[in-house]
Amino acid sequence: MPTAIVPAPAKDGGGSYEIAIWRQDDLIPDGTARFRVADKVLPTVPGWTAG
């Protein structure tokens, strides 16, 4: 399962977020797809601020 683990900014308490992507055709998403999804999803997480 391809994942992207993104650290939360230290000023916001640290920690991390893990984003997993599944495809219906069983192919593995490329690395750039994971980061594109992270760029769109993370700003919607309550309390997330770009670091």
PDB file of N, CA and C in Angstrom:
ATOM      1  N   MET A   1       0.844  -1.166   0.000  1.00  0.00           N
ATOM      2  CA  MET A   1       0.000   0.000   0.000  1.00  0.00           C
ATOM      3  C   MET A   1       0.896   1.238   0.000  1.00  0.00           C
ATOM      4  N   PRO A   2       0.814   2.051  -1.029  1.00  0.00           N
ATOM      5  CA  PRO A   2       1.620   3.267  -1.091  1.00  0.00           C
ATOM      6  C   PRO A   2       1.107   4.312  -0.112  1.00  0.00           C
ATOM      7  N   THR A   3       2.008   4.863   0.655  1.00  0.00           N
ATOM      8  CA  THR A   3       1.631   5.881   1.625  1.00  0.00           C
ATOM      9  C   THR A   3       2.570   7.074   1.536  1.00  0.00           C
ATOM     10  N   ALA A   4       2.096   8.188   2.037  1.00  0.00           N
ATOM     11  CA  ALA A   4       2.935   9.371   2.218  1.00  0.00           C
ATOM     12  C   ALA A   4       2.797   9.757   3.678  1.00  0.00           C
ATOM     13  N   ILE A   5       3.900   9.845   4.383  1.00  0.00           N
ATOM     14  CA  ILE A   5       3.884  10.270   5.780  1.00  0.00           C
ATOM     15  C   ILE A   5       4.431  11.687   5.822  1.00  0.00           C
ATOM     16  N   VAL A   6       3.602  12.592   6.339  1.00  0.00           N
ATOM     17  CA  VAL A   6       3.940  14.010   6.337  1.00  0.00           C
ATOM     18  C   VAL A   6       4.025  14.487   7.774  1.00  0.00           C
ATOM     19  N   PRO A   7       5.161  15.061   8.179  1.00  0.00           N
ATOM     20  CA  PRO A   7       5.266  15.560   9.559  1.00  0.00           C
ATOM     21  C   PRO A   7       4.422  16.814   9.748  1.00  0.00           C
ATOM     22  N   ALA A   8       3.780  16.898  10.899  1.00  0.00           N
ATOM     23  CA  ALA A   8       3.059  18.116  11.260  1.00  0.00           C
ATOM     24  C   ALA A   8       4.079  19.124  11.788  1.00  0.00           C
ATOM     25  N   PRO A   9       3.840  20.408  11.583  1.00  0.00           N
ATOM     26  CA  PRO A   9       4.787  21.414  12.067  1.00  0.00           C
ATOM     27  C   PRO A   9       4.975  21.318  13.589  1.00  0.00           C
ATOM     28  N   ALA A  10       6.214  21.474  14.033  1.00  0.00           N
ATOM     29  CA  ALA A  10       6.517  21.412  15.468  1.00  0.00           C
ATOM     30  C   ALA A  10       5.747  22.457  16.248  1.00  0.00           C
ATOM     31  N   LYS A  11       5.532  23.629  15.644  1.00  0.00           N
ATOM     32  CA  LYS A  11       4.802  24.690  16.350  1.00  0.00           C
ATOM     33  C   LYS A  11       3.349  24.307  16.611  1.00  0.00           C
ATOM     34  N   ASP A  12       2.857  23.295  15.880  1.00  0.00           N
ATOM     35  CA  ASP A  12       1.485  22.814  16.063  1.00  0.00           C
ATOM     36  C   ASP A  12       1.443  21.534  16.890  1.00  0.00           C
ATOM     37  N   GLY A  13       2.533  21.203  17.562  1.00  0.00           N
ATOM     38  CA  GLY A  13       2.560  20.030  18.425  1.00  0.00           C
ATOM     39  C   GLY A  13       3.256  18.827  17.836  1.00  0.00           C
ATOM     40  N   GLY A  14       3.733  18.936  16.600  1.00  0.00           N
ATOM     41  CA  GLY A  14       4.466  17.832  15.984  1.00  0.00           C
ATOM     42  C   GLY A  14       3.547  16.700  15.584  1.00  0.00           C
ATOM     43  N   GLY A  15       4.093  15.500  15.549  1.00  0.00           N
ATOM     44  CA  GLY A  15       3.335  14.348  15.092  1.00  0.00           C
ATOM     45  C   GLY A  15       3.438  14.204  13.586  1.00  0.00           C
ATOM     46  N   SER A  16       2.572  13.403  13.028  1.00  0.00           N
ATOM     47  CA  SER A  16       2.589  13.215  11.583  1.00  0.00           C
ATOM     48  C   SER A  16       1.220  12.757  11.102  1.00  0.00           C
ATOM     49  N   TYR A  17       1.034  12.828   9.804  1.00  0.00           N
ATOM     50  CA  TYR A  17      -0.169  12.344   9.151  1.00  0.00           C
ATOM     51  C   TYR A  17       0.270  11.338   8.105  1.00  0.00           C
ATOM     52  N   GLU A  18      -0.461  10.237   8.015  1.00  0.00           N
ATOM     53  CA  GLU A  18      -0.161   9.224   7.004  1.00  0.00           C
ATOM     54  C   GLU A  18      -1.329   9.168   6.029  1.00  0.00           C
ATOM     55  N   ILE A  19      -1.020   9.268   4.750  1.00  0.00           N
ATOM     56  CA  ILE A  19      -2.037   9.227   3.710  1.00  0.00           C
ATOM     57  C   ILE A  19      -1.776   8.000   2.848  1.00  0.00           C
ATOM     58  N   ALA A  20      -2.782   7.133   2.747  1.00  0.00           N
ATOM     59  CA  ALA A  20      -2.671   5.928   1.922  1.00  0.00           C
ATOM     60  C   ALA A  20      -3.602   6.067   0.728  1.00  0.00           C
ATOM     61  N   ILE A  21      -3.147   5.565  -0.422  1.00  0.00           N
ATOM     62  CA  ILE A  21      -3.932   5.638  -1.652  1.00  0.00           C
ATOM     63  C   ILE A  21      -4.097   4.227  -2.208  1.00  0.00           C
ATOM     64  N   TRP A  22      -5.339   3.887  -2.527  1.00  0.00           N
ATOM     65  CA  TRP A  22      -5.623   2.619  -3.189  1.00  0.00           C
ATOM     66  C   TRP A  22      -6.194   2.911  -4.557  1.00  0.00           C
ATOM     67  N   ARG A  23      -5.841   2.088  -5.518  1.00  0.00           N
ATOM     68  CA  ARG A  23      -6.416   2.197  -6.864  1.00  0.00           C
ATOM     69  C   ARG A  23      -7.306   0.989  -7.103  1.00  0.00           C
ATOM     70  N   GLN A  24      -8.384   1.190  -7.819  1.00  0.00           N
ATOM     71  CA  GLN A  24      -9.295   0.088  -8.104  1.00  0.00           C
ATOM     72  C   GLN A  24      -8.724  -0.897  -9.109  1.00  0.00           C
ATOM     73  N   ASP A  25      -7.754  -0.489  -9.911  1.00  0.00           N
ATOM     74  CA  ASP A  25      -7.183  -1.387 -10.916  1.00  0.00           C
ATOM     75  C   ASP A  25      -5.940  -2.133 -10.421  1.00  0.00           C
ATOM     76  N   ASP A  26      -5.661  -2.045  -9.124  1.00  0.00           N
ATOM     77  CA  ASP A  26      -4.541  -2.757  -8.480  1.00  0.00           C
ATOM     78  C   ASP A  26      -3.156  -2.306  -8.920  1.00  0.00           C
ATOM     79  N   LEU A  27      -3.044  -1.213  -9.655  1.00  0.00           N
ATOM     80  CA  LEU A  27      -1.735  -0.659  -9.977  1.00  0.00           C
ATOM     81  C   LEU A  27      -1.280   0.234  -8.828  1.00  0.00           C
ATOM     82  N   ILE A  28       0.008   0.410  -8.703  1.00  0.00           N
ATOM     83  CA  ILE A  28       0.557   1.240  -7.625  1.00  0.00           C
ATOM     84  C   ILE A  28       0.650   2.680  -8.110  1.00  0.00           C
ATOM     85  N   PRO A  29       0.059   3.627  -7.349  1.00  0.00           N
ATOM     86  CA  PRO A  29       0.187   5.045  -7.731  1.00  0.00           C
ATOM     87  C   PRO A  29       1.642   5.494  -7.634  1.00  0.00           C
ATOM     88  N   ASP A  30       2.043   6.385  -8.530  1.00  0.00           N
ATOM     89  CA  ASP A  30       3.423   6.872  -8.472  1.00  0.00           C
ATOM     90  C   ASP A  30       3.589   7.868  -7.323  1.00  0.00           C
ATOM     91  N   GLY A  31       4.823   8.157  -7.001  1.00  0.00           N
ATOM     92  CA  GLY A  31       5.126   9.041  -5.871  1.00  0.00           C
ATOM     93  C   GLY A  31       4.541  10.428  -6.014  1.00  0.00           C
ATOM     94  N   THR A  32       4.528  10.963  -7.223  1.00  0.00           N
ATOM     95  CA  THR A  32       3.988  12.317  -7.394  1.00  0.00           C
ATOM     96  C   THR A  32       2.491  12.348  -7.128  1.00  0.00           C
ATOM     97  N   ALA A  33       1.788  11.260  -7.429  1.00  0.00           N
ATOM     98  CA  ALA A  33       0.349  11.200  -7.145  1.00  0.00           C
ATOM     99  C   ALA A  33       0.103  11.290  -5.645  1.00  0.00           C
ATOM    100  N   ARG A  34       0.927  10.626  -4.855  1.00  0.00           N
ATOM    101  CA  ARG A  34       0.768  10.668  -3.393  1.00  0.00           C
ATOM    102  C   ARG A  34       0.937  12.087  -2.872  1.00  0.00           C
ATOM    103  N   PHE A  35       1.905  12.806  -3.400  1.00  0.00           N
ATOM    104  CA  PHE A  35       2.127  14.163  -2.918  1.00  0.00           C
ATOM    105  C   PHE A  35       1.058  15.131  -3.412  1.00  0.00           C
ATOM    106  N   ARG A  36       0.523  14.898  -4.612  1.00  0.00           N
ATOM    107  CA  ARG A  36      -0.592  15.725  -5.094  1.00  0.00           C
ATOM    108  C   ARG A  36      -1.812  15.545  -4.199  1.00  0.00           C
ATOM    109  N   VAL A  37      -2.084  14.299  -3.810  1.00  0.00           N
ATOM    110  CA  VAL A  37      -3.212  14.031  -2.914  1.00  0.00           C
ATOM    111  C   VAL A  37      -2.954  14.685  -1.554  1.00  0.00           C
ATOM    112  N   ALA A  38      -1.751  14.548  -1.035  1.00  0.00           N
ATOM    113  CA  ALA A  38      -1.423  15.161   0.263  1.00  0.00           C
ATOM    114  C   ALA A  38      -1.600  16.675   0.206  1.00  0.00           C
ATOM    115  N   ASP A  39      -1.187  17.306  -0.893  1.00  0.00           N
ATOM    116  CA  ASP A  39      -1.343  18.759  -1.038  1.00  0.00           C
ATOM    117  C   ASP A  39      -2.802  19.188  -0.999  1.00  0.00           C
ATOM    118  N   LYS A  40      -3.695  18.331  -1.471  1.00  0.00           N
ATOM    119  CA  LYS A  40      -5.117  18.662  -1.484  1.00  0.00           C
ATOM    120  C   LYS A  40      -5.813  18.303  -0.178  1.00  0.00           C
ATOM    121  N   VAL A  41      -5.388  17.201   0.455  1.00  0.00           N
ATOM    122  CA  VAL A  41      -6.081  16.690   1.639  1.00  0.00           C
ATOM    123  C   VAL A  41      -5.637  17.392   2.919  1.00  0.00           C
ATOM    124  N   LEU A  42      -4.351  17.576   3.109  1.00  0.00           N
ATOM    125  CA  LEU A  42      -3.864  18.112   4.386  1.00  0.00           C
ATOM    126  C   LEU A  42      -4.454  19.472   4.750  1.00  0.00           C
ATOM    127  N   PRO A  43      -4.639  20.406   3.826  1.00  0.00           N
ATOM    128  CA  PRO A  43      -5.239  21.681   4.221  1.00  0.00           C
ATOM    129  C   PRO A  43      -6.670  21.547   4.758  1.00  0.00           C
ATOM    130  N   THR A  44      -7.325  20.408   4.526  1.00  0.00           N
ATOM    131  CA  THR A  44      -8.679  20.209   5.039  1.00  0.00           C
ATOM    132  C   THR A  44      -8.697  19.597   6.443  1.00  0.00           C
ATOM    133  N   VAL A  45      -7.539  19.188   6.949  1.00  0.00           N
ATOM    134  CA  VAL A  45      -7.449  18.596   8.279  1.00  0.00           C
ATOM    135  C   VAL A  45      -7.576  19.699   9.327  1.00  0.00           C
ATOM    136  N   PRO A  46      -8.522  19.551  10.269  1.00  0.00           N
ATOM    137  CA  PRO A  46      -8.671  20.568  11.314  1.00  0.00           C
ATOM    138  C   PRO A  46      -7.360  20.813  12.070  1.00  0.00           C
ATOM    139  N   GLY A  47      -6.973  22.051  12.186  1.00  0.00           N
ATOM    140  CA  GLY A  47      -5.767  22.406  12.912  1.00  0.00           C
ATOM    141  C   GLY A  47      -4.489  22.347  12.084  1.00  0.00           C
ATOM    142  N   TRP A  48      -4.567  21.898  10.836  1.00  0.00           N
ATOM    143  CA  TRP A  48      -3.372  21.814   9.995  1.00  0.00           C
ATOM    144  C   TRP A  48      -2.978  23.199   9.518  1.00  0.00           C
ATOM    145  N   THR A  49      -1.718  23.529   9.656  1.00  0.00           N
ATOM    146  CA  THR A  49      -1.172  24.751   9.069  1.00  0.00           C
ATOM    147  C   THR A  49       0.065  24.376   8.297  1.00  0.00           C
ATOM    148  N   ALA A  50       0.211  24.881   7.112  1.00  0.00           N
ATOM    149  CA  ALA A  50       1.376  24.570   6.291  1.00  0.00           C
ATOM    150  C   ALA A  50       2.629  25.094   6.977  1.00  0.00           C
ATOM    151  N   GLY A  51       3.662  24.268   6.996  1.00  0.00           N
ATOM    152  CA  GLY A  51       4.885  24.651   7.668  1.00  0.00           C
ATOM    153  C   GLY A  51       5.921  25.000   6.720  1.00  0.00           C
TER     154      GLY A  51
END
